[in-house]
Amino acid sequence: LDGFPTAAPYLISKAAVHSLTKLISIEISDSQARCNAILPGIIDTPANRATMPDEDYSVWESTKDIGSKIDDIFNSSINGKLITLNDSMK
Protein backbone atom coordinates (compact mmCIF):
# COMPACT_ATOMS: atom_id res chain seq x y z
CA LEU A 1 0.00 0.00 0.00
CA ASP A 2 2.96 2.33 -0.54
CA GLY A 3 1.84 5.50 -2.25
CA PHE A 4 2.95 6.92 -5.56
CA PRO A 5 1.57 9.73 -7.75
CA THR A 6 -1.97 9.16 -9.11
CA ALA A 7 -2.43 5.99 -7.04
CA ALA A 8 -4.71 7.34 -4.30
CA PRO A 9 -8.02 5.92 -5.63
CA TYR A 10 -6.44 2.51 -6.28
CA LEU A 11 -4.72 2.33 -2.89
CA ILE A 12 -7.78 3.57 -1.00
CA SER A 13 -9.80 0.81 -2.66
CA LYS A 14 -7.22 -1.81 -1.66
CA ALA A 15 -7.19 -0.57 1.94
CA ALA A 16 -10.99 -0.70 2.00
CA VAL A 17 -11.01 -4.34 0.81
CA HIS A 18 -8.46 -5.24 3.51
CA SER A 19 -10.57 -3.61 6.25
CA LEU A 20 -13.84 -5.01 4.90
CA THR A 21 -12.42 -8.55 4.83
CA LYS A 22 -11.38 -8.34 8.47
CA LEU A 23 -14.64 -6.69 9.59
CA ILE A 24 -16.85 -9.21 7.77
CA SER A 25 -14.94 -12.07 9.40
CA ILE A 26 -15.65 -10.52 12.80
CA GLU A 27 -19.34 -10.01 11.99
CA ILE A 28 -19.81 -13.64 10.89
CA SER A 29 -17.62 -15.23 13.56
CA ASP A 30 -20.61 -16.95 15.19
CA SER A 31 -21.53 -18.72 11.94
CA GLN A 32 -19.80 -21.30 9.78
CA ALA A 33 -19.26 -18.72 7.02
CA ARG A 34 -15.79 -17.35 6.43
CA CYS A 35 -14.34 -14.30 4.69
CA ASN A 36 -10.81 -14.06 3.30
CA ALA A 37 -9.18 -12.05 0.50
CA ILE A 38 -6.57 -13.21 -1.98
CA LEU A 39 -3.91 -10.62 -2.88
CA PRO A 40 -2.39 -12.04 -6.06
CA GLY A 41 -0.08 -9.31 -7.33
CA ILE A 42 0.16 -9.04 -11.12
CA ILE A 43 -1.93 -11.72 -12.82
CA ASP A 44 -0.60 -13.23 -16.04
CA THR A 45 -3.36 -12.41 -18.52
CA PRO A 46 -3.27 -11.48 -22.20
CA ALA A 47 -4.40 -7.94 -21.32
CA ASN A 48 -1.58 -7.48 -18.79
CA ARG A 49 0.99 -8.84 -21.23
CA ALA A 50 -0.24 -6.39 -23.87
CA THR A 51 -0.12 -3.48 -21.44
CA MET A 52 3.31 -4.39 -20.01
CA PRO A 53 5.18 -6.13 -22.85
CA ASP A 54 8.69 -5.60 -21.43
CA GLU A 55 8.02 -7.11 -17.98
CA ASP A 56 9.21 -10.49 -16.67
CA TYR A 57 6.08 -12.66 -16.97
CA SER A 58 7.71 -15.50 -15.06
CA VAL A 59 7.17 -13.69 -11.75
CA TRP A 60 3.49 -12.98 -12.41
CA GLU A 61 0.71 -15.05 -10.82
CA SER A 62 -1.02 -17.59 -13.06
CA THR A 63 -4.76 -18.11 -12.98
CA LYS A 64 -4.02 -21.78 -12.21
CA ASP A 65 -2.06 -20.77 -9.08
CA ILE A 66 -4.90 -18.50 -7.99
CA GLY A 67 -7.41 -21.32 -8.49
CA SER A 68 -5.23 -23.67 -6.47
CA LYS A 69 -5.02 -21.15 -3.62
CA ILE A 70 -8.81 -20.77 -3.66
CA ASP A 71 -9.13 -24.55 -3.36
CA ASP A 72 -6.68 -24.52 -0.41
CA ILE A 73 -8.77 -21.83 1.29
CA PHE A 74 -12.02 -23.77 0.79
CA ASN A 75 -10.38 -26.78 2.42
CA SER A 76 -9.20 -24.83 5.46
CA SER A 77 -10.88 -23.09 8.37
CA ILE A 78 -9.07 -19.76 8.08
CA ASN A 79 -11.12 -16.59 8.45
CA GLY A 80 -10.34 -12.90 8.15
CA LYS A 81 -7.00 -13.38 6.37
CA LEU A 82 -5.35 -11.40 3.59
CA ILE A 83 -3.66 -14.14 1.61
CA THR A 84 -0.87 -13.89 -0.91
CA LEU A 85 -0.24 -16.86 -3.18
CA ASN A 86 2.96 -17.78 -1.33
CA ASP A 87 1.18 -17.69 2.08
CA SER A 88 1.24 -20.89 4.10
CA MET A 89 -2.19 -19.89 5.57
CA LYS A 90 -1.21 -20.66 9.15
Foldseek 3Di string as FASTA:
>chain_A
DDDDPPCVVVVVVVVVLLVVQQVVLVVCVVDQDAGEAEDEPAEDDPVVCVVCVPDDCVPHHYPVLVVVVVVVVVVDSDHSYYHYSPDPRD
